[in-house]
């Protein structure tokens, strides 16, 4: 949960997210709003995107405990199973007689509040299937968008784009840079301001682009390409230097070989001349 700590209570938060999505659907087009709300100290979870209006209060109490931002004060899984009213109610009305008996015994002191509780009617989550399909499709769209930006923009353009995105997020108090996302439509507007019409044309050709313009794109994916480009540039510079050194070394080695070869040839020539001179001298005698 953005606190650089992974504990069993992290899984409790994940359960809360799952229970929210099962009831309200995946808020892909309003992800920033959901994120901002979950990380507020004073919040009304009934205002989460897509939340039905007829859910019992005990559901929101449970969700508030599961989605407590500070993990140190978040309930553990054991606490939730033994103390939460919503959980106990459904355990007591479940099919597991042994579990029901055990939990009812532990919860005698809490029966007064749950006495007025009753099963809620089944809720039809209209459009959830379509939302799920669109969310799945957005994963493909986001990959295509990343590919377009990484291949059509050079290193300088990517750095400029990331800087513009960060600046845009800082100006809007309703946005949180921790999430690392920006609406696709806002990203396109930044590309327009940079004069990248070819990128925009490529994006506009993608399937369901009009729908996905309201979705949040994880722009931090581009930082990997920015870092890679910087690393490649450094390696390229090092490679040129190494090549020059290798060339110089090779030239030096060749020079040494040539010198050694020249010296050997001179010695052989001198020895030959010496033998010839000796031969002449002997014949002269």
C-alpha atoms as a PDB file:
ATOM      1  CA  UNK A   1       0.000   0.000   0.000  1.00  0.00           C
ATOM      2  CA  UNK A   2       2.742   2.426  -0.980  1.00  0.00           C
ATOM      3  CA  UNK A   3       4.411   2.150   2.434  1.00  0.00           C
ATOM      4  CA  UNK A   4       7.232  -0.193   1.355  1.00  0.00           C
ATOM      5  CA  UNK A   5       6.131  -2.797   3.872  1.00  0.00           C
ATOM      6  CA  UNK A   6       4.616  -6.174   3.001  1.00  0.00           C
ATOM      7  CA  UNK A   7       2.957  -7.963   5.899  1.00  0.00           C
ATOM      8  CA  UNK A   8      -0.059 -10.214   6.386  1.00  0.00           C
ATOM      9  CA  UNK A   9      -2.045  -7.013   6.823  1.00  0.00           C
ATOM     10  CA  UNK A  10      -1.220  -6.143   3.219  1.00  0.00           C
ATOM     11  CA  UNK A  11      -3.338  -9.138   2.251  1.00  0.00           C
ATOM     12  CA  UNK A  12      -6.147  -7.760   4.417  1.00  0.00           C
ATOM     13  CA  UNK A  13      -6.091  -4.556   2.357  1.00  0.00           C
ATOM     14  CA  UNK A  14      -6.168  -6.662  -0.827  1.00  0.00           C
ATOM     15  CA  UNK A  15      -9.256  -8.502   0.436  1.00  0.00           C
ATOM     16  CA  UNK A  16     -10.922  -5.134   0.979  1.00  0.00           C
ATOM     17  CA  UNK A  17     -10.162  -4.103  -2.604  1.00  0.00           C
ATOM     18  CA  UNK A  18     -11.578  -7.381  -3.924  1.00  0.00           C
ATOM     19  CA  UNK A  19     -14.768  -7.023  -1.865  1.00  0.00           C
ATOM     20  CA  UNK A  20     -15.176  -3.471  -3.150  1.00  0.00           C
ATOM     21  CA  UNK A  21     -14.703  -4.508  -6.793  1.00  0.00           C
ATOM     22  CA  UNK A  22     -17.112  -7.461  -6.415  1.00  0.00           C
ATOM     23  CA  UNK A  23     -19.821  -5.083  -5.251  1.00  0.00           C
ATOM     24  CA  UNK A  24     -19.112  -1.938  -7.279  1.00  0.00           C
ATOM     25  CA  UNK A  25     -17.211  -3.202 -10.323  1.00  0.00           C
ATOM     26  CA  UNK A  26     -13.700  -2.164 -11.340  1.00  0.00           C
ATOM     27  CA  UNK A  27     -13.492   1.672 -11.369  1.00  0.00           C
ATOM     28  CA  UNK A  28     -11.002   1.842 -14.229  1.00  0.00           C
ATOM     29  CA  UNK A  29     -12.318   5.154 -15.561  1.00  0.00           C
ATOM     30  CA  UNK A  30     -12.341   6.646 -12.032  1.00  0.00           C
ATOM     31  CA  UNK A  31      -9.267   4.993 -10.572  1.00  0.00           C
ATOM     32  CA  UNK A  32      -7.722   8.273  -9.398  1.00  0.00           C
ATOM     33  CA  UNK A  33     -10.883   9.245  -7.524  1.00  0.00           C
ATOM     34  CA  UNK A  34     -11.012   5.871  -5.759  1.00  0.00           C
ATOM     35  CA  UNK A  35      -7.312   6.048  -4.898  1.00  0.00           C
ATOM     36  CA  UNK A  36      -7.581   9.553  -3.480  1.00  0.00           C
ATOM     37  CA  UNK A  37     -10.594   8.630  -1.336  1.00  0.00           C
ATOM     38  CA  UNK A  38      -9.005   5.487   0.109  1.00  0.00           C
ATOM     39  CA  UNK A  39      -5.975   7.444   1.324  1.00  0.00           C
ATOM     40  CA  UNK A  40      -7.885  10.147   3.168  1.00  0.00           C
ATOM     41  CA  UNK A  41      -8.076  10.060   6.961  1.00  0.00           C
ATOM     42  CA  UNK A  42     -11.676  11.272   6.905  1.00  0.00           C
ATOM     43  CA  UNK A  43     -13.625   9.519   4.177  1.00  0.00           C
ATOM     44  CA  UNK A  44     -17.054   8.251   3.208  1.00  0.00           C
ATOM     45  CA  UNK A  45     -16.666   4.900   1.459  1.00  0.00           C
ATOM     46  CA  UNK A  46     -20.241   5.149   0.228  1.00  0.00           C
ATOM     47  CA  UNK A  47     -18.951   7.693  -2.290  1.00  0.00           C
ATOM     48  CA  UNK A  48     -16.517   5.209  -3.879  1.00  0.00           C
ATOM     49  CA  UNK A  49     -17.108   5.018  -7.668  1.00  0.00           C
ATOM     50  CA  UNK A  50     -19.886   2.597  -8.624  1.00  0.00           C
ATOM     51  CA  UNK A  51     -20.929   1.798  -5.060  1.00  0.00           C
ATOM     52  CA  UNK A  52     -24.599   0.657  -4.804  1.00  0.00           C
ATOM     53  CA  UNK A  53     -26.810   2.717  -2.511  1.00  0.00           C
ATOM     54  CA  UNK A  54     -28.544  -0.185  -0.767  1.00  0.00           C
ATOM     55  CA  UNK A  55     -25.593  -1.892   0.908  1.00  0.00           C
ATOM     56  CA  UNK A  56     -25.908  -2.392   4.713  1.00  0.00           C
ATOM     57  CA  UNK A  57     -23.975  -0.178   7.104  1.00  0.00           C
ATOM     58  CA  UNK A  58     -22.085  -3.189   8.423  1.00  0.00           C
ATOM     59  CA  UNK A  59     -20.617  -3.736   4.954  1.00  0.00           C
ATOM     60  CA  UNK A  60     -19.117  -0.244   4.968  1.00  0.00           C
ATOM     61  CA  UNK A  61     -17.847  -0.734   8.526  1.00  0.00           C
ATOM     62  CA  UNK A  62     -16.086  -3.900   7.405  1.00  0.00           C
ATOM     63  CA  UNK A  63     -14.699  -2.225   4.283  1.00  0.00           C
ATOM     64  CA  UNK A  64     -13.391   0.694   6.333  1.00  0.00           C
ATOM     65  CA  UNK A  65     -11.433  -1.701   8.575  1.00  0.00           C
ATOM     66  CA  UNK A  66     -10.051  -3.710   5.665  1.00  0.00           C
ATOM     67  CA  UNK A  67      -9.017  -0.616   3.713  1.00  0.00           C
ATOM     68  CA  UNK A  68      -7.372   1.251   6.575  1.00  0.00           C
ATOM     69  CA  UNK A  69      -4.403   2.981   4.955  1.00  0.00           C
ATOM     70  CA  UNK A  70      -1.943   2.742   7.880  1.00  0.00           C
ATOM     71  CA  UNK A  71      -1.097  -0.928   8.135  1.00  0.00           C
ATOM     72  CA  UNK A  72      -0.009  -0.625  11.790  1.00  0.00           C
ATOM     73  CA  UNK A  73      -3.580   0.213  12.844  1.00  0.00           C
ATOM     74  CA  UNK A  74      -5.281  -2.023  10.260  1.00  0.00           C
ATOM     75  CA  UNK A  75      -7.149  -5.046  11.632  1.00  0.00           C
ATOM     76  CA  UNK A  76      -5.598  -8.473  11.119  1.00  0.00           C
ATOM     77  CA  UNK A  77      -7.424 -11.284   9.347  1.00  0.00           C
ATOM     78  CA  UNK A  78      -7.979 -13.001  12.706  1.00  0.00           C
ATOM     79  CA  UNK A  79      -9.482  -9.847  14.182  1.00  0.00           C
ATOM     80  CA  UNK A  80     -11.862  -9.503  11.252  1.00  0.00           C
ATOM     81  CA  UNK A  81     -13.018 -13.133  11.493  1.00  0.00           C
ATOM     82  CA  UNK A  82     -13.689 -12.903  15.216  1.00  0.00           C
ATOM     83  CA  UNK A  83     -14.922  -9.341  15.730  1.00  0.00           C
ATOM     84  CA  UNK A  84     -16.498  -7.827  12.613  1.00  0.00           C
ATOM     85  CA  UNK A  85     -20.315  -7.776  12.630  1.00  0.00           C
ATOM     86  CA  UNK A  86     -20.728  -8.236   8.876  1.00  0.00           C
ATOM     87  CA  UNK A  87     -18.402 -11.237   8.859  1.00  0.00           C
ATOM     88  CA  UNK A  88     -19.968 -12.811  11.965  1.00  0.00           C
ATOM     89  CA  UNK A  89     -23.477 -12.377  10.621  1.00  0.00           C
ATOM     90  CA  UNK A  90     -22.660 -14.287   7.461  1.00  0.00           C
ATOM     91  CA  UNK A  91     -20.759 -16.919   9.374  1.00  0.00           C
ATOM     92  CA  UNK A  92     -23.739 -17.461  11.648  1.00  0.00           C
ATOM     93  CA  UNK A  93     -26.051 -17.801   8.659  1.00  0.00           C
ATOM     94  CA  UNK A  94     -23.747 -20.004   6.665  1.00  0.00           C
ATOM     95  CA  UNK A  95     -23.847 -23.741   6.033  1.00  0.00           C
ATOM     96  CA  UNK A  96     -20.908 -24.655   8.282  1.00  0.00           C
ATOM     97  CA  UNK A  97     -22.698 -25.645  11.519  1.00  0.00           C
ATOM     98  CA  UNK A  98     -19.470 -26.138  13.481  1.00  0.00           C
ATOM     99  CA  UNK A  99     -18.135 -22.717  12.537  1.00  0.00           C
ATOM    100  CA  UNK A 100     -21.510 -21.125  13.179  1.00  0.00           C
ATOM    101  CA  UNK A 101     -21.766 -22.591  16.674  1.00  0.00           C
ATOM    102  CA  UNK A 102     -18.226 -21.554  17.543  1.00  0.00           C
ATOM    103  CA  UNK A 103     -18.649 -17.991  16.312  1.00  0.00           C
ATOM    104  CA  UNK A 104     -22.054 -17.577  17.979  1.00  0.00           C
ATOM    105  CA  UNK A 105     -20.547 -18.640  21.303  1.00  0.00           C
ATOM    106  CA  UNK A 106     -17.770 -16.048  20.976  1.00  0.00           C
ATOM    107  CA  UNK A 107     -20.135 -13.313  19.885  1.00  0.00           C
ATOM    108  CA  UNK A 108     -22.856 -13.517  22.542  1.00  0.00           C
ATOM    109  CA  UNK A 109     -21.958 -10.094  23.836  1.00  0.00           C
ATOM    110  CA  UNK A 110     -22.413  -8.634  20.389  1.00  0.00           C
ATOM    111  CA  UNK A 111     -25.767 -10.159  19.481  1.00  0.00           C
ATOM    112  CA  UNK A 112     -27.764  -7.070  20.407  1.00  0.00           C
ATOM    113  CA  UNK A 113     -26.470  -5.081  17.460  1.00  0.00           C
ATOM    114  CA  UNK A 114     -26.845  -7.931  14.991  1.00  0.00           C
ATOM    115  CA  UNK A 115     -30.349  -8.792  16.194  1.00  0.00           C
ATOM    116  CA  UNK A 116     -31.737  -6.145  13.846  1.00  0.00           C
ATOM    117  CA  UNK A 117     -29.621  -7.325  10.956  1.00  0.00           C
ATOM    118  CA  UNK A 118     -31.087  -9.341   8.108  1.00  0.00           C
ATOM    119  CA  UNK A 119     -30.006 -10.655   4.766  1.00  0.00           C
ATOM    120  CA  UNK A 120     -30.065  -8.070   2.014  1.00  0.00           C
ATOM    121  CA  UNK A 121     -31.615  -8.776  -1.333  1.00  0.00           C
ATOM    122  CA  UNK A 122     -29.332  -9.913  -4.135  1.00  0.00           C
ATOM    123  CA  UNK A 123     -27.918  -6.984  -6.073  1.00  0.00           C
ATOM    124  CA  UNK A 124     -27.608  -6.995  -9.848  1.00  0.00           C
ATOM    125  CA  UNK A 125     -24.437  -5.170 -10.825  1.00  0.00           C
ATOM    126  CA  UNK A 126     -25.568  -3.819 -14.162  1.00  0.00           C
ATOM    127  CA  UNK A 127     -22.808  -3.341 -16.664  1.00  0.00           C
ATOM    128  CA  UNK A 128     -20.151  -5.090 -14.580  1.00  0.00           C
ATOM    129  CA  UNK A 129     -19.425  -7.604 -17.338  1.00  0.00           C
ATOM    130  CA  UNK A 130     -18.979  -4.829 -19.873  1.00  0.00           C
ATOM    131  CA  UNK A 131     -16.761  -2.894 -17.468  1.00  0.00           C
ATOM    132  CA  UNK A 132     -14.622  -5.965 -16.877  1.00  0.00           C
ATOM    133  CA  UNK A 133     -14.282  -6.541 -20.625  1.00  0.00           C
ATOM    134  CA  UNK A 134     -13.300  -2.915 -21.185  1.00  0.00           C
ATOM    135  CA  UNK A 135     -10.790  -3.073 -18.323  1.00  0.00           C
ATOM    136  CA  UNK A 136      -9.241  -6.186 -19.859  1.00  0.00           C
ATOM    137  CA  UNK A 137      -9.147  -4.456 -23.232  1.00  0.00           C
ATOM    138  CA  UNK A 138      -7.495  -1.417 -21.683  1.00  0.00           C
ATOM    139  CA  UNK A 139      -4.546  -3.584 -20.648  1.00  0.00           C
ATOM    140  CA  UNK A 140      -3.920  -4.257 -24.339  1.00  0.00           C
ATOM    141  CA  UNK A 141      -4.515  -0.604 -25.181  1.00  0.00           C
ATOM    142  CA  UNK A 142      -1.996   0.511 -22.525  1.00  0.00           C
ATOM    143  CA  UNK A 143       0.628  -1.852 -23.965  1.00  0.00           C
ATOM    144  CA  UNK A 144       0.021  -0.463 -27.440  1.00  0.00           C
ATOM    145  CA  UNK A 145       0.220   3.099 -26.102  1.00  0.00           C
ATOM    146  CA  UNK A 146       3.523   2.360 -24.361  1.00  0.00           C
ATOM    147  CA  UNK A 147       4.914   0.809 -27.551  1.00  0.00           C
ATOM    148  CA  UNK A 148       3.857   3.829 -29.619  1.00  0.00           C
ATOM    149  CA  UNK A 149       5.460   6.318 -27.248  1.00  0.00           C
ATOM    150  CA  UNK A 150       8.639   4.283 -26.756  1.00  0.00           C
ATOM    151  CA  UNK A 151       9.216   3.766 -30.494  1.00  0.00           C
ATOM    152  CA  UNK A 152       8.054   7.100 -31.911  1.00  0.00           C
ATOM    153  CA  UNK A 153       9.682   9.373 -29.338  1.00  0.00           C
ATOM    154  CA  UNK A 154      13.413   9.789 -28.913  1.00  0.00           C
ATOM    155  CA  UNK A 155      15.162   9.947 -25.548  1.00  0.00           C
ATOM    156  CA  UNK A 156      14.811  13.707 -25.262  1.00  0.00           C
ATOM    157  CA  UNK A 157      11.108  13.575 -26.131  1.00  0.00           C
ATOM    158  CA  UNK A 158      10.430  10.911 -23.488  1.00  0.00           C
ATOM    159  CA  UNK A 159      12.223  12.981 -20.839  1.00  0.00           C
ATOM    160  CA  UNK A 160      10.235  16.058 -21.847  1.00  0.00           C
ATOM    161  CA  UNK A 161       6.959  14.098 -21.797  1.00  0.00           C
ATOM    162  CA  UNK A 162       7.635  12.713 -18.305  1.00  0.00           C
ATOM    163  CA  UNK A 163       8.549  16.184 -17.041  1.00  0.00           C
ATOM    164  CA  UNK A 164       5.340  17.655 -18.510  1.00  0.00           C
ATOM    165  CA  UNK A 165       3.242  14.892 -16.953  1.00  0.00           C
ATOM    166  CA  UNK A 166       4.801  15.437 -13.520  1.00  0.00           C
ATOM    167  CA  UNK A 167       4.199  19.176 -13.839  1.00  0.00           C
ATOM    168  CA  UNK A 168       0.564  18.578 -14.833  1.00  0.00           C
ATOM    169  CA  UNK A 169      -0.043  16.310 -11.829  1.00  0.00           C
ATOM    170  CA  UNK A 170       1.558  18.770  -9.387  1.00  0.00           C
ATOM    171  CA  UNK A 171      -0.731  21.587 -10.559  1.00  0.00           C
ATOM    172  CA  UNK A 172      -3.906  19.575  -9.810  1.00  0.00           C
ATOM    173  CA  UNK A 173      -4.497  19.073  -6.078  1.00  0.00           C
ATOM    174  CA  UNK A 174      -7.057  16.343  -6.789  1.00  0.00           C
ATOM    175  CA  UNK A 175      -4.350  14.122  -8.319  1.00  0.00           C
ATOM    176  CA  UNK A 176      -1.767  12.066  -6.458  1.00  0.00           C
ATOM    177  CA  UNK A 177       1.615  11.453  -8.048  1.00  0.00           C
ATOM    178  CA  UNK A 178       2.101   8.333  -5.891  1.00  0.00           C
ATOM    179  CA  UNK A 179      -0.290   6.429  -8.117  1.00  0.00           C
ATOM    180  CA  UNK A 180       1.830   7.180 -11.178  1.00  0.00           C
ATOM    181  CA  UNK A 181      -1.090   7.514 -13.579  1.00  0.00           C
ATOM    182  CA  UNK A 182      -2.559  10.145 -15.870  1.00  0.00           C
ATOM    183  CA  UNK A 183      -5.734  10.172 -17.903  1.00  0.00           C
ATOM    184  CA  UNK A 184      -5.130   9.157 -21.502  1.00  0.00           C
ATOM    185  CA  UNK A 185      -6.920  12.298 -22.677  1.00  0.00           C
ATOM    186  CA  UNK A 186      -4.596  14.508 -20.594  1.00  0.00           C
ATOM    187  CA  UNK A 187      -1.591  12.617 -21.955  1.00  0.00           C
ATOM    188  CA  UNK A 188      -2.771  13.243 -25.522  1.00  0.00           C
ATOM    189  CA  UNK A 189      -3.161  16.955 -24.762  1.00  0.00           C
ATOM    190  CA  UNK A 190       0.437  17.072 -23.525  1.00  0.00           C
ATOM    191  CA  UNK A 191       1.579  15.346 -26.724  1.00  0.00           C
ATOM    192  CA  UNK A 192      -0.354  17.973 -28.691  1.00  0.00           C
ATOM    193  CA  UNK A 193       1.463  20.749 -26.840  1.00  0.00           C
ATOM    194  CA  UNK A 194       4.741  19.039 -27.797  1.00  0.00           C
ATOM    195  CA  UNK A 195       3.691  18.903 -31.459  1.00  0.00           C
ATOM    196  CA  UNK A 196       3.717  15.092 -31.615  1.00  0.00           C
ATOM    197  CA  UNK A 197       0.925  14.730 -34.166  1.00  0.00           C
ATOM    198  CA  UNK A 198       2.287  11.444 -35.513  1.00  0.00           C
ATOM    199  CA  UNK A 199       2.028   9.856 -32.052  1.00  0.00           C
ATOM    200  CA  UNK A 200      -1.514  11.132 -31.603  1.00  0.00           C
ATOM    201  CA  UNK A 201      -2.510   9.782 -35.023  1.00  0.00           C
ATOM    202  CA  UNK A 202      -1.156   6.354 -34.069  1.00  0.00           C
ATOM    203  CA  UNK A 203      -3.021   6.437 -30.744  1.00  0.00           C
ATOM    204  CA  UNK A 204      -6.280   7.442 -32.442  1.00  0.00           C
ATOM    205  CA  UNK A 205      -6.108   4.273 -34.556  1.00  0.00           C
ATOM    206  CA  UNK A 206      -6.319   2.018 -31.493  1.00  0.00           C
ATOM    207  CA  UNK A 207      -9.513   0.126 -30.657  1.00  0.00           C
ATOM    208  CA  UNK A 208     -11.946   1.843 -28.229  1.00  0.00           C
ATOM    209  CA  UNK A 209      -9.664   4.867 -27.980  1.00  0.00           C
ATOM    210  CA  UNK A 210     -12.584   7.241 -27.332  1.00  0.00           C
ATOM    211  CA  UNK A 211     -13.686   5.155 -24.341  1.00  0.00           C
ATOM    212  CA  UNK A 212     -10.169   4.741 -23.001  1.00  0.00           C
ATOM    213  CA  UNK A 213      -9.437   8.479 -23.086  1.00  0.00           C
ATOM    214  CA  UNK A 214     -11.134   8.690 -19.675  1.00  0.00           C
ATOM    215  CA  UNK A 215      -9.046   5.797 -18.303  1.00  0.00           C
ATOM    216  CA  UNK A 216      -5.834   6.182 -16.329  1.00  0.00           C
ATOM    217  CA  UNK A 217      -2.566   5.263 -18.039  1.00  0.00           C
ATOM    218  CA  UNK A 218       0.442   4.201 -15.936  1.00  0.00           C
ATOM    219  CA  UNK A 219       2.913   6.695 -17.367  1.00  0.00           C
ATOM    220  CA  UNK A 220       5.722   5.503 -15.069  1.00  0.00           C
ATOM    221  CA  UNK A 221       6.203   2.611 -17.528  1.00  0.00           C
ATOM    222  CA  UNK A 222       7.968   5.112 -19.775  1.00  0.00           C
ATOM    223  CA  UNK A 223      10.627   5.752 -17.148  1.00  0.00           C
ATOM    224  CA  UNK A 224      12.112   2.341 -17.923  1.00  0.00           C
ATOM    225  CA  UNK A 225      12.668   3.424 -21.532  1.00  0.00           C
ATOM    226  CA  UNK A 226      14.096   6.754 -20.384  1.00  0.00           C
ATOM    227  CA  UNK A 227      16.557   4.970 -18.081  1.00  0.00           C
ATOM    228  CA  UNK A 228      17.453   2.442 -20.782  1.00  0.00           C
ATOM    229  CA  UNK A 229      18.141   5.202 -23.288  1.00  0.00           C
ATOM    230  CA  UNK A 230      20.381   6.984 -20.781  1.00  0.00           C
ATOM    231  CA  UNK A 231      22.231   3.742 -20.025  1.00  0.00           C
ATOM    232  CA  UNK A 232      22.656   2.978 -23.727  1.00  0.00           C
ATOM    233  CA  UNK A 233      24.036   6.474 -24.281  1.00  0.00           C
ATOM    234  CA  UNK A 234      26.556   6.011 -21.478  1.00  0.00           C
ATOM    235  CA  UNK A 235      27.514   2.581 -22.777  1.00  0.00           C
ATOM    236  CA  UNK A 236      27.861   3.972 -26.284  1.00  0.00           C
ATOM    237  CA  UNK A 237      30.267   6.619 -25.012  1.00  0.00           C
ATOM    238  CA  UNK A 238      32.236   4.024 -23.099  1.00  0.00           C
ATOM    239  CA  UNK A 239      32.235   1.790 -26.170  1.00  0.00           C
ATOM    240  CA  UNK A 240      33.761   4.492 -28.354  1.00  0.00           C
ATOM    241  CA  UNK A 241      36.455   5.126 -25.792  1.00  0.00           C
ATOM    242  CA  UNK A 242      37.159   1.424 -25.418  1.00  0.00           C
ATOM    243  CA  UNK A 243      37.320   1.049 -29.172  1.00  0.00           C
ATOM    244  CA  UNK A 244      39.839   3.865 -29.399  1.00  0.00           C
ATOM    245  CA  UNK A 245      41.912   2.305 -26.673  1.00  0.00           C
ATOM    246  CA  UNK A 246      41.763  -1.044 -28.399  1.00  0.00           C
ATOM    247  CA  UNK A 247      42.768   0.592 -31.676  1.00  0.00           C
ATOM    248  CA  UNK A 248      45.659   2.364 -30.007  1.00  0.00           C
ATOM    249  CA  UNK A 249      46.738  -0.838 -28.298  1.00  0.00           C
ATOM    250  CA  UNK A 250      46.542  -2.718 -31.570  1.00  0.00           C
ATOM    251  CA  UNK A 251      48.596  -0.029 -33.276  1.00  0.00           C
ATOM    252  CA  UNK A 252      51.135  -0.149 -30.480  1.00  0.00           C
ATOM    253  CA  UNK A 253      51.334  -3.914 -30.699  1.00  0.00           C
ATOM    254  CA  UNK A 254      51.811  -3.757 -34.451  1.00  0.00           C
ATOM    255  CA  UNK A 255      54.520  -1.171 -34.010  1.00  0.00           C
ATOM    256  CA  UNK A 256      56.269  -3.381 -31.470  1.00  0.00           C
ATOM    257  CA  UNK A 257      55.978  -6.360 -33.792  1.00  0.00           C
ATOM    258  CA  UNK A 258      57.304  -4.282 -36.661  1.00  0.00           C
ATOM    259  CA  UNK A 259      60.206  -3.056 -34.537  1.00  0.00           C
ATOM    260  CA  UNK A 260      60.940  -6.556 -33.320  1.00  0.00           C
ATOM    261  CA  UNK A 261      60.681  -7.889 -36.845  1.00  0.00           C
ATOM    262  CA  UNK A 262      62.903  -5.079 -38.130  1.00  0.00           C
ATOM    263  CA  UNK A 263      65.504  -5.732 -35.456  1.00  0.00           C
ATOM    264  CA  UNK A 264      65.550  -9.439 -36.223  1.00  0.00           C
ATOM    265  CA  UNK A 265      65.968  -8.770 -39.932  1.00  0.00           C
ATOM    266  CA  UNK A 266      68.846  -6.401 -39.267  1.00  0.00           C
ATOM    267  CA  UNK A 267      70.607  -8.985 -37.105  1.00  0.00           C
ATOM    268  CA  UNK A 268      70.176 -11.624 -39.808  1.00  0.00           C
ATOM    269  CA  UNK A 269      71.495  -9.206 -42.441  1.00  0.00           C
ATOM    270  CA  UNK A 270      74.527  -8.337 -40.317  1.00  0.00           C
ATOM    271  CA  UNK A 271      75.244 -12.023 -39.664  1.00  0.00           C
ATOM    272  CA  UNK A 272      75.017 -12.752 -43.418  1.00  0.00           C
ATOM    273  CA  UNK A 273      77.373  -9.904 -44.229  1.00  0.00           C
ATOM    274  CA  UNK A 274      79.761 -11.118 -41.548  1.00  0.00           C
ATOM    275  CA  UNK A 275      79.814 -14.656 -43.018  1.00  0.00           C
ATOM    276  CA  UNK A 276      80.330 -13.260 -46.507  1.00  0.00           C
ATOM    277  CA  UNK A 277      83.187 -11.088 -45.275  1.00  0.00           C
ATOM    278  CA  UNK A 278      84.734 -14.054 -43.481  1.00  0.00           C
ATOM    279  CA  UNK A 279      84.402 -16.175 -46.598  1.00  0.00           C
ATOM    280  CA  UNK A 280      86.121 -13.488 -48.735  1.00  0.00           C
ATOM    281  CA  UNK A 281      88.888 -13.147 -46.207  1.00  0.00           C
ATOM    282  CA  UNK A 282      89.535 -16.899 -46.184  1.00  0.00           C
ATOM    283  CA  UNK A 283      89.531 -17.063 -49.970  1.00  0.00           C
ATOM    284  CA  UNK A 284      91.890 -14.091 -50.026  1.00  0.00           C
ATOM    285  CA  UNK A 285      94.406 -16.003 -47.986  1.00  0.00           C
END
